[in-house]
Each structure stands twice: as structure tokens, then as C-alpha cells.
């Protein structure tokens, strides 16, 4: 660190030493300067994470997980399967609404949406594809669960 950081505090007495990293001219160090320079890198790294996009993807994955949980419950008469399906449907509905709003907003004013959320055309199309895949997985899971339920019925057409 530059000795100026050690000997001359900021003029406005804010106590912040951000972006004051230079060649060390003595063996003493200023921890505040080190942490201030490090914290800016951490803040920049956190800002670069597409939080909004990751949130929508997590909602889609969570919804798919609940639906798959309901599809693979062996006791077809229990309410656990129905509860899992309802949780999955609710979470997927929220994710789909966010996704549809993103797509419509991007179609109406792409610059505004990009500035507010960081969504660019590849992200919008990727989230639309993830949503479509979620619908396919959910549909197949529901068909699988219904097939299992019908096949376990004693008077059903598949039991003979």
C-alpha cells in the first residue's frame, strides 16, 4: 500500500480507502486499504451474478422437483402425491408468470428490460426454453403418475 494511505486519511473523513492500492514502501500495512480494495472486487463479482435469471431457474427446478417427487411416490392413494403436485404446480406457475412477463417486456421495450434486470435476448430465449422443458417434464411426470395409479387399480383395464 502506498504510504499516503497510512499517513493521510481521506479529506472528507469518511474512513473509506477504496481503490487506493499501490506499491508498498514500508513494512507496515493498512488493513482498511486492503479490505477496501478487496471488497470492491467482491462487490463487482456479486454484481456480475445474474441473480434475477438464477432466481427464475431455481423456481423452475424447484417446481420440477416437487412434481417429480409426486410422480414417484409409490402409495398412489396417499395425499402426499397430491400435495407434491400442488406445490410443484404453484412454484411453476410463479416461474412461468415471471418468464412470460420477461418475454413480453423484452418484446415491448428491450432496452428498458435489459437495464433493469440484465436480461438480454439470449437470456430471454434461454429462460423460455427452460420453461418449455419444465412443461414437458411435468407433463411426462403426470402421465407417469397417472399410469401408475391406473395400473394399480384392481378393476382397471391394465390390471388384467
N, C-alpha and C. Protein backbone atom coordinates (compact mmCIF):
# COMPACT_ATOMS: atom_id res chain seq x y z
N UNK A 1 0.83 -1.19 0.00
CA UNK A 1 0.00 0.00 0.00
C UNK A 1 0.87 1.24 0.00
N UNK A 2 0.38 2.24 -0.61
CA UNK A 2 1.10 3.50 -0.64
C UNK A 2 1.11 4.12 0.75
N UNK A 3 2.22 4.76 1.13
CA UNK A 3 2.33 5.39 2.44
C UNK A 3 1.32 6.52 2.62
N UNK A 4 0.88 7.11 1.54
CA UNK A 4 -0.12 8.17 1.67
C UNK A 4 -1.40 7.65 2.32
N UNK A 5 -1.71 6.39 2.07
CA UNK A 5 -2.90 5.81 2.69
C UNK A 5 -2.69 5.69 4.19
N UNK A 6 -1.46 5.36 4.59
CA UNK A 6 -1.19 5.17 6.01
C UNK A 6 -1.16 6.50 6.76
N UNK A 7 -0.62 7.51 6.15
CA UNK A 7 -0.37 8.77 6.86
C UNK A 7 -1.42 9.85 6.61
N UNK A 8 -2.13 9.76 5.50
CA UNK A 8 -3.08 10.81 5.16
C UNK A 8 -4.47 10.22 5.01
N UNK A 9 -5.34 10.37 6.00
CA UNK A 9 -6.70 9.84 5.86
C UNK A 9 -7.45 10.61 4.77
N UNK A 10 -8.57 10.09 4.30
CA UNK A 10 -9.35 10.78 3.28
C UNK A 10 -9.73 12.18 3.75
N UNK A 11 -9.85 13.11 2.81
CA UNK A 11 -10.12 14.52 3.14
C UNK A 11 -11.49 14.70 3.76
N UNK A 12 -12.46 13.87 3.38
CA UNK A 12 -13.81 14.06 3.90
C UNK A 12 -14.06 13.26 5.18
N UNK A 13 -13.01 12.64 5.75
CA UNK A 13 -13.10 11.85 6.99
C UNK A 13 -14.13 10.74 6.91
N UNK A 14 -14.32 10.19 5.71
CA UNK A 14 -15.29 9.10 5.57
C UNK A 14 -14.71 7.78 6.06
N UNK A 15 -13.40 7.69 6.15
CA UNK A 15 -12.78 6.44 6.60
C UNK A 15 -12.70 5.40 5.51
N UNK A 16 -13.07 5.72 4.29
CA UNK A 16 -13.04 4.76 3.21
C UNK A 16 -11.78 4.96 2.37
N UNK A 17 -11.10 3.87 2.10
CA UNK A 17 -9.86 3.90 1.33
C UNK A 17 -10.03 3.09 0.06
N UNK A 18 -11.15 3.15 -0.60
CA UNK A 18 -11.38 2.31 -1.77
C UNK A 18 -10.49 2.75 -2.92
N UNK A 19 -10.02 1.73 -3.63
CA UNK A 19 -9.23 1.90 -4.84
C UNK A 19 -7.94 2.67 -4.60
N UNK A 20 -7.32 2.54 -3.44
CA UNK A 20 -6.06 3.20 -3.14
C UNK A 20 -5.03 2.11 -2.93
N UNK A 21 -4.77 1.34 -3.95
CA UNK A 21 -3.80 0.25 -3.85
C UNK A 21 -2.61 0.62 -4.71
N UNK A 22 -1.43 0.55 -4.13
CA UNK A 22 -0.23 0.88 -4.87
C UNK A 22 0.94 0.08 -4.34
N UNK A 23 2.13 0.46 -4.71
CA UNK A 23 3.32 -0.25 -4.29
C UNK A 23 3.60 0.07 -2.82
N UNK A 24 3.90 -0.95 -2.06
CA UNK A 24 4.21 -0.76 -0.64
C UNK A 24 5.62 -0.18 -0.51
N UNK A 25 5.72 0.86 0.30
CA UNK A 25 7.03 1.48 0.51
C UNK A 25 7.54 1.25 1.92
N UNK A 26 6.76 0.56 2.74
CA UNK A 26 7.20 0.23 4.10
C UNK A 26 6.64 -1.12 4.46
N UNK A 27 7.09 -1.64 5.59
CA UNK A 27 6.62 -2.95 6.00
C UNK A 27 5.29 -2.87 6.73
N UNK A 28 4.89 -1.71 7.18
CA UNK A 28 3.59 -1.60 7.84
C UNK A 28 2.50 -1.56 6.78
N UNK A 29 1.36 -2.14 7.12
CA UNK A 29 0.26 -2.20 6.16
C UNK A 29 -0.98 -1.58 6.78
N UNK A 30 -1.85 -1.19 5.92
CA UNK A 30 -3.12 -0.63 6.35
C UNK A 30 -4.21 -1.62 5.98
N UNK A 31 -4.75 -2.28 6.97
CA UNK A 31 -5.76 -3.31 6.73
C UNK A 31 -7.00 -2.72 6.09
N UNK A 32 -7.37 -1.50 6.47
CA UNK A 32 -8.56 -0.87 5.88
C UNK A 32 -8.39 -0.74 4.37
N UNK A 33 -7.21 -0.37 3.92
CA UNK A 33 -6.97 -0.24 2.48
C UNK A 33 -7.06 -1.57 1.78
N UNK A 34 -6.53 -2.62 2.40
CA UNK A 34 -6.58 -3.95 1.81
C UNK A 34 -8.01 -4.42 1.69
N UNK A 35 -8.78 -4.28 2.77
CA UNK A 35 -10.17 -4.73 2.73
C UNK A 35 -11.02 -3.89 1.79
N UNK A 36 -10.72 -2.60 1.70
CA UNK A 36 -11.49 -1.75 0.80
C UNK A 36 -11.26 -2.16 -0.65
N UNK A 37 -10.02 -2.45 -1.00
CA UNK A 37 -9.73 -2.88 -2.37
C UNK A 37 -10.33 -4.26 -2.63
N UNK A 38 -10.27 -5.14 -1.66
CA UNK A 38 -10.82 -6.48 -1.80
C UNK A 38 -12.34 -6.43 -1.88
N UNK A 39 -12.95 -5.59 -1.07
CA UNK A 39 -14.40 -5.55 -1.05
C UNK A 39 -14.97 -5.05 -2.37
N UNK A 40 -14.28 -4.17 -3.05
CA UNK A 40 -14.77 -3.70 -4.35
C UNK A 40 -14.78 -4.84 -5.35
N UNK A 41 -13.76 -5.70 -5.30
CA UNK A 41 -13.74 -6.87 -6.19
C UNK A 41 -14.88 -7.81 -5.86
N UNK A 42 -15.13 -8.01 -4.58
CA UNK A 42 -16.23 -8.88 -4.17
C UNK A 42 -17.56 -8.29 -4.62
N UNK A 43 -17.72 -7.00 -4.44
CA UNK A 43 -18.97 -6.34 -4.86
C UNK A 43 -19.15 -6.46 -6.36
N UNK A 44 -18.08 -6.27 -7.12
CA UNK A 44 -18.17 -6.40 -8.57
C UNK A 44 -18.52 -7.83 -8.97
N UNK A 45 -17.94 -8.80 -8.28
CA UNK A 45 -18.25 -10.20 -8.58
C UNK A 45 -19.71 -10.52 -8.26
N UNK A 46 -20.20 -10.01 -7.14
CA UNK A 46 -21.60 -10.24 -6.80
C UNK A 46 -22.54 -9.56 -7.78
N UNK A 47 -22.16 -8.40 -8.24
CA UNK A 47 -22.99 -7.69 -9.21
C UNK A 47 -23.02 -8.40 -10.56
N UNK A 48 -21.99 -9.15 -10.87
CA UNK A 48 -21.96 -9.84 -12.15
C UNK A 48 -22.80 -11.12 -12.16
N UNK A 49 -23.25 -11.58 -11.00
CA UNK A 49 -24.10 -12.77 -10.94
C UNK A 49 -25.50 -12.37 -11.43
N UNK A 50 -26.02 -13.09 -12.40
CA UNK A 50 -27.37 -12.76 -12.89
C UNK A 50 -28.44 -13.27 -11.92
N UNK A 51 -28.65 -12.55 -10.83
CA UNK A 51 -29.50 -13.02 -9.74
C UNK A 51 -30.93 -13.25 -10.20
N UNK A 52 -31.47 -12.34 -10.98
CA UNK A 52 -32.86 -12.46 -11.42
C UNK A 52 -33.05 -13.71 -12.28
N UNK A 53 -32.11 -13.96 -13.19
CA UNK A 53 -32.20 -15.12 -14.05
C UNK A 53 -32.05 -16.41 -13.24
N UNK A 54 -31.11 -16.40 -12.31
CA UNK A 54 -30.89 -17.58 -11.47
C UNK A 54 -32.12 -17.85 -10.60
N UNK A 55 -32.78 -16.79 -10.14
CA UNK A 55 -33.99 -16.94 -9.34
C UNK A 55 -35.07 -17.66 -10.14
N UNK A 56 -35.27 -17.27 -11.39
CA UNK A 56 -36.29 -17.92 -12.21
C UNK A 56 -35.91 -19.38 -12.48
N UNK A 57 -34.63 -19.63 -12.76
CA UNK A 57 -34.20 -21.01 -12.99
C UNK A 57 -34.37 -21.87 -11.73
N UNK A 58 -34.08 -21.29 -10.57
CA UNK A 58 -34.28 -22.04 -9.32
C UNK A 58 -35.75 -22.35 -9.08
N UNK A 59 -36.63 -21.41 -9.40
CA UNK A 59 -38.06 -21.67 -9.27
C UNK A 59 -38.49 -22.81 -10.20
N UNK A 60 -37.98 -22.80 -11.43
CA UNK A 60 -38.31 -23.88 -12.37
C UNK A 60 -37.82 -25.22 -11.86
N UNK A 61 -36.59 -25.26 -11.38
CA UNK A 61 -36.04 -26.52 -10.86
C UNK A 61 -36.78 -27.00 -9.62
N UNK A 62 -37.14 -26.08 -8.74
CA UNK A 62 -37.88 -26.45 -7.54
C UNK A 62 -39.25 -27.01 -7.89
N UNK A 63 -39.92 -26.36 -8.84
CA UNK A 63 -41.22 -26.86 -9.28
C UNK A 63 -41.13 -28.23 -9.90
N UNK A 64 -40.13 -28.43 -10.75
CA UNK A 64 -39.93 -29.76 -11.36
C UNK A 64 -39.64 -30.79 -10.28
N UNK A 65 -38.83 -30.41 -9.29
CA UNK A 65 -38.52 -31.35 -8.20
C UNK A 65 -39.76 -31.78 -7.44
N UNK A 66 -40.65 -30.84 -7.14
CA UNK A 66 -41.89 -31.19 -6.43
C UNK A 66 -42.76 -32.11 -7.28
N UNK A 67 -42.87 -31.81 -8.57
CA UNK A 67 -43.70 -32.65 -9.44
C UNK A 67 -43.11 -34.06 -9.55
N UNK A 68 -41.80 -34.15 -9.71
CA UNK A 68 -41.17 -35.47 -9.78
C UNK A 68 -41.32 -36.23 -8.48
N UNK A 69 -41.25 -35.53 -7.36
CA UNK A 69 -41.47 -36.17 -6.07
C UNK A 69 -42.88 -36.78 -6.02
N UNK A 70 -43.87 -36.02 -6.49
CA UNK A 70 -45.23 -36.54 -6.50
C UNK A 70 -45.41 -37.68 -7.47
N UNK A 71 -44.70 -37.66 -8.59
CA UNK A 71 -44.84 -38.71 -9.60
C UNK A 71 -44.26 -40.04 -9.13
N UNK A 72 -43.24 -40.00 -8.29
CA UNK A 72 -42.57 -41.23 -7.89
C UNK A 72 -42.96 -41.72 -6.50
N UNK A 73 -44.00 -41.16 -5.93
CA UNK A 73 -44.50 -41.70 -4.64
C UNK A 73 -45.22 -43.00 -4.95
N UNK A 74 -44.86 -44.06 -4.25
CA UNK A 74 -45.40 -45.38 -4.55
C UNK A 74 -46.83 -45.56 -4.07
N UNK A 75 -47.17 -44.92 -2.95
CA UNK A 75 -48.52 -45.04 -2.43
C UNK A 75 -49.42 -44.06 -3.19
N UNK A 76 -50.11 -44.58 -4.20
CA UNK A 76 -50.90 -43.70 -5.06
C UNK A 76 -52.17 -43.19 -4.39
N UNK A 77 -52.55 -43.77 -3.28
CA UNK A 77 -53.77 -43.34 -2.59
C UNK A 77 -53.49 -42.25 -1.55
N UNK A 78 -52.22 -42.00 -1.25
CA UNK A 78 -51.90 -41.02 -0.22
C UNK A 78 -52.06 -39.61 -0.74
N UNK A 79 -52.23 -38.69 0.18
CA UNK A 79 -52.36 -37.28 -0.18
C UNK A 79 -51.00 -36.63 -0.40
N UNK A 80 -49.91 -37.34 -0.10
CA UNK A 80 -48.58 -36.77 -0.29
C UNK A 80 -48.31 -36.47 -1.75
N UNK A 81 -48.76 -37.36 -2.63
CA UNK A 81 -48.54 -37.15 -4.06
C UNK A 81 -49.30 -35.92 -4.54
N UNK A 82 -50.54 -35.79 -4.09
CA UNK A 82 -51.33 -34.63 -4.49
C UNK A 82 -50.71 -33.33 -3.96
N UNK A 83 -50.24 -33.38 -2.73
CA UNK A 83 -49.62 -32.18 -2.14
C UNK A 83 -48.35 -31.79 -2.91
N UNK A 84 -47.55 -32.79 -3.28
CA UNK A 84 -46.33 -32.51 -4.04
C UNK A 84 -46.67 -31.92 -5.41
N UNK A 85 -47.71 -32.49 -6.07
CA UNK A 85 -48.13 -31.94 -7.35
C UNK A 85 -48.62 -30.50 -7.22
N UNK A 86 -49.35 -30.21 -6.16
CA UNK A 86 -49.87 -28.85 -5.96
C UNK A 86 -48.73 -27.87 -5.68
N UNK A 87 -47.76 -28.28 -4.85
CA UNK A 87 -46.60 -27.41 -4.60
C UNK A 87 -45.85 -27.14 -5.91
N UNK A 88 -45.62 -28.20 -6.66
CA UNK A 88 -44.91 -28.06 -7.93
C UNK A 88 -45.65 -27.17 -8.91
N UNK A 89 -46.97 -27.35 -8.99
CA UNK A 89 -47.76 -26.52 -9.90
C UNK A 89 -47.72 -25.06 -9.48
N UNK A 90 -47.78 -24.80 -8.18
CA UNK A 90 -47.77 -23.42 -7.70
C UNK A 90 -46.43 -22.74 -8.01
N UNK A 91 -45.33 -23.44 -7.73
CA UNK A 91 -44.00 -22.85 -7.97
C UNK A 91 -43.76 -22.66 -9.47
N UNK A 92 -44.17 -23.63 -10.27
CA UNK A 92 -44.00 -23.50 -11.72
C UNK A 92 -44.88 -22.39 -12.28
N UNK A 93 -46.05 -22.18 -11.70
CA UNK A 93 -46.90 -21.09 -12.16
C UNK A 93 -46.24 -19.74 -11.91
N UNK A 94 -45.63 -19.57 -10.73
CA UNK A 94 -44.94 -18.32 -10.43
C UNK A 94 -43.77 -18.12 -11.39
N UNK A 95 -42.98 -19.16 -11.61
CA UNK A 95 -41.84 -19.05 -12.53
C UNK A 95 -42.31 -18.74 -13.94
N UNK A 96 -43.40 -19.36 -14.37
CA UNK A 96 -43.91 -19.12 -15.72
C UNK A 96 -44.44 -17.70 -15.88
N UNK A 97 -45.08 -17.17 -14.83
CA UNK A 97 -45.57 -15.79 -14.90
C UNK A 97 -44.40 -14.83 -15.04
N UNK A 98 -43.36 -15.03 -14.22
CA UNK A 98 -42.16 -14.18 -14.35
C UNK A 98 -41.58 -14.28 -15.76
N UNK A 99 -41.53 -15.49 -16.28
CA UNK A 99 -40.95 -15.71 -17.59
C UNK A 99 -41.77 -15.04 -18.69
N UNK A 100 -43.09 -15.16 -18.61
CA UNK A 100 -43.96 -14.53 -19.61
C UNK A 100 -43.83 -13.01 -19.53
N UNK A 101 -43.80 -12.47 -18.32
CA UNK A 101 -43.63 -11.03 -18.16
C UNK A 101 -42.30 -10.55 -18.74
N UNK A 102 -41.24 -11.35 -18.55
CA UNK A 102 -39.94 -11.00 -19.14
C UNK A 102 -40.02 -10.96 -20.66
N UNK A 103 -40.62 -11.98 -21.23
CA UNK A 103 -40.70 -12.06 -22.68
C UNK A 103 -41.52 -10.91 -23.26
N UNK A 104 -42.67 -10.64 -22.64
CA UNK A 104 -43.50 -9.52 -23.12
C UNK A 104 -42.78 -8.18 -22.95
N UNK A 105 -42.14 -8.00 -21.80
CA UNK A 105 -41.41 -6.75 -21.57
C UNK A 105 -40.27 -6.58 -22.57
N UNK A 106 -39.59 -7.69 -22.87
CA UNK A 106 -38.50 -7.60 -23.84
C UNK A 106 -39.02 -7.27 -25.23
N UNK A 107 -40.18 -7.82 -25.58
CA UNK A 107 -40.74 -7.54 -26.90
C UNK A 107 -41.19 -6.08 -26.99
N UNK A 108 -41.71 -5.52 -25.89
CA UNK A 108 -42.19 -4.14 -25.92
C UNK A 108 -41.06 -3.12 -25.84
N UNK A 109 -40.10 -3.35 -24.95
CA UNK A 109 -39.02 -2.38 -24.77
C UNK A 109 -37.76 -3.11 -24.29
N UNK A 110 -36.97 -3.65 -25.22
CA UNK A 110 -35.80 -4.45 -24.82
C UNK A 110 -34.76 -3.66 -24.04
N UNK A 111 -34.58 -2.39 -24.36
CA UNK A 111 -33.57 -1.59 -23.67
C UNK A 111 -33.93 -1.41 -22.20
N UNK A 112 -35.18 -1.14 -21.92
CA UNK A 112 -35.63 -0.93 -20.55
C UNK A 112 -35.43 -2.21 -19.72
N UNK A 113 -35.85 -3.35 -20.26
CA UNK A 113 -35.73 -4.61 -19.52
C UNK A 113 -34.27 -4.96 -19.29
N UNK A 114 -33.43 -4.74 -20.28
CA UNK A 114 -32.01 -5.03 -20.13
C UNK A 114 -31.38 -4.17 -19.06
N UNK A 115 -31.75 -2.90 -19.00
CA UNK A 115 -31.20 -2.01 -17.97
C UNK A 115 -31.68 -2.40 -16.58
N UNK A 116 -32.93 -2.82 -16.44
CA UNK A 116 -33.50 -3.12 -15.12
C UNK A 116 -33.07 -4.48 -14.59
N UNK A 117 -33.01 -5.49 -15.46
CA UNK A 117 -32.77 -6.86 -14.99
C UNK A 117 -31.50 -7.49 -15.53
N UNK A 118 -30.90 -6.92 -16.56
CA UNK A 118 -29.73 -7.55 -17.16
C UNK A 118 -30.09 -8.63 -18.14
N UNK A 119 -31.38 -8.81 -18.43
CA UNK A 119 -31.81 -9.82 -19.39
C UNK A 119 -31.54 -9.33 -20.81
N UNK A 120 -30.77 -10.09 -21.53
CA UNK A 120 -30.56 -9.84 -22.95
C UNK A 120 -31.32 -10.89 -23.74
N UNK A 121 -31.34 -10.78 -25.04
CA UNK A 121 -32.10 -11.73 -25.86
C UNK A 121 -31.70 -13.19 -25.61
N UNK A 122 -30.41 -13.52 -25.52
CA UNK A 122 -30.07 -14.93 -25.23
C UNK A 122 -30.64 -15.41 -23.89
N UNK A 123 -30.62 -14.53 -22.88
CA UNK A 123 -31.19 -14.93 -21.58
C UNK A 123 -32.70 -15.13 -21.69
N UNK A 124 -33.38 -14.24 -22.38
CA UNK A 124 -34.84 -14.37 -22.52
C UNK A 124 -35.18 -15.66 -23.25
N UNK A 125 -34.49 -15.94 -24.34
CA UNK A 125 -34.75 -17.17 -25.09
C UNK A 125 -34.37 -18.41 -24.28
N UNK A 126 -33.28 -18.32 -23.53
CA UNK A 126 -32.87 -19.45 -22.68
C UNK A 126 -33.88 -19.74 -21.59
N UNK A 127 -34.40 -18.70 -20.96
CA UNK A 127 -35.42 -18.90 -19.93
C UNK A 127 -36.72 -19.44 -20.54
N UNK A 128 -37.06 -18.98 -21.75
CA UNK A 128 -38.23 -19.54 -22.42
C UNK A 128 -38.03 -21.02 -22.72
N UNK A 129 -36.83 -21.40 -23.14
CA UNK A 129 -36.54 -22.81 -23.41
C UNK A 129 -36.60 -23.63 -22.12
N UNK A 130 -36.04 -23.09 -21.04
CA UNK A 130 -36.09 -23.80 -19.76
C UNK A 130 -37.54 -23.98 -19.30
N UNK A 131 -38.36 -22.97 -19.52
CA UNK A 131 -39.77 -23.08 -19.15
C UNK A 131 -40.47 -24.14 -19.99
N UNK A 132 -40.17 -24.20 -21.28
CA UNK A 132 -40.76 -25.21 -22.15
C UNK A 132 -40.32 -26.61 -21.73
N UNK A 133 -39.07 -26.78 -21.38
CA UNK A 133 -38.58 -28.08 -20.91
C UNK A 133 -39.27 -28.47 -19.61
N UNK A 134 -39.48 -27.49 -18.73
CA UNK A 134 -40.18 -27.76 -17.47
C UNK A 134 -41.59 -28.26 -17.74
N UNK A 135 -42.27 -27.67 -18.71
CA UNK A 135 -43.64 -28.10 -19.04
C UNK A 135 -43.62 -29.53 -19.58
N UNK A 136 -42.65 -29.86 -20.40
CA UNK A 136 -42.55 -31.22 -20.94
C UNK A 136 -42.27 -32.22 -19.82
N UNK A 137 -41.34 -31.91 -18.93
CA UNK A 137 -41.01 -32.81 -17.82
C UNK A 137 -42.22 -32.99 -16.91
N UNK A 138 -42.93 -31.91 -16.63
CA UNK A 138 -44.12 -32.01 -15.77
C UNK A 138 -45.19 -32.85 -16.44
N UNK A 139 -45.40 -32.65 -17.73
CA UNK A 139 -46.42 -33.43 -18.45
C UNK A 139 -46.09 -34.91 -18.43
N UNK A 140 -44.83 -35.24 -18.71
CA UNK A 140 -44.44 -36.66 -18.68
C UNK A 140 -44.55 -37.24 -17.27
N UNK A 141 -44.23 -36.46 -16.26
CA UNK A 141 -44.33 -36.93 -14.88
C UNK A 141 -45.78 -37.19 -14.49
N UNK A 142 -46.66 -36.32 -14.90
CA UNK A 142 -48.08 -36.52 -14.59
C UNK A 142 -48.61 -37.75 -15.33
N UNK A 143 -48.22 -37.94 -16.59
CA UNK A 143 -48.63 -39.14 -17.32
C UNK A 143 -48.10 -40.40 -16.65
N UNK A 144 -46.85 -40.36 -16.19
CA UNK A 144 -46.27 -41.50 -15.49
C UNK A 144 -47.05 -41.80 -14.21
N UNK A 145 -47.37 -40.77 -13.45
CA UNK A 145 -48.09 -40.96 -12.20
C UNK A 145 -49.50 -41.50 -12.46
N UNK A 146 -50.16 -40.99 -13.48
CA UNK A 146 -51.50 -41.50 -13.80
C UNK A 146 -51.44 -42.94 -14.28
N UNK A 147 -50.43 -43.28 -15.06
CA UNK A 147 -50.28 -44.67 -15.50
C UNK A 147 -50.07 -45.58 -14.29
N UNK A 148 -49.23 -45.17 -13.35
CA UNK A 148 -49.02 -45.98 -12.14
C UNK A 148 -50.31 -46.15 -11.36
N UNK A 149 -51.07 -45.08 -11.24
CA UNK A 149 -52.31 -45.15 -10.48
C UNK A 149 -53.31 -46.07 -11.16
N UNK A 150 -53.43 -45.98 -12.47
CA UNK A 150 -54.37 -46.83 -13.20
C UNK A 150 -53.93 -48.28 -13.16
N UNK A 151 -52.63 -48.52 -13.28
CA UNK A 151 -52.14 -49.90 -13.31
C UNK A 151 -52.29 -50.59 -11.96
N UNK A 152 -52.40 -49.84 -10.88
CA UNK A 152 -52.55 -50.45 -9.56
C UNK A 152 -54.00 -50.64 -9.14
N UNK A 153 -54.91 -50.15 -9.92
CA UNK A 153 -56.32 -50.36 -9.61
C UNK A 153 -56.67 -51.82 -9.88
N UNK A 154 -57.46 -52.41 -9.02
CA UNK A 154 -57.80 -53.83 -9.20
C UNK A 154 -58.79 -54.04 -10.33
N UNK A 155 -59.67 -53.09 -10.56
CA UNK A 155 -60.68 -53.25 -11.61
C UNK A 155 -60.30 -52.49 -12.88
N UNK A 156 -59.11 -51.95 -12.94
CA UNK A 156 -58.70 -51.14 -14.08
C UNK A 156 -58.42 -51.98 -15.31
N UNK A 157 -58.39 -51.35 -16.47
CA UNK A 157 -58.17 -52.09 -17.71
C UNK A 157 -56.75 -52.63 -17.84
N UNK A 158 -55.81 -52.08 -17.14
CA UNK A 158 -54.43 -52.55 -17.26
C UNK A 158 -54.07 -53.61 -16.24
N UNK A 159 -54.98 -53.93 -15.33
CA UNK A 159 -54.65 -54.90 -14.29
C UNK A 159 -54.85 -56.33 -14.77
N UNK A 160 -55.48 -56.53 -15.90
CA UNK A 160 -55.75 -57.89 -16.39
C UNK A 160 -54.68 -58.36 -17.33
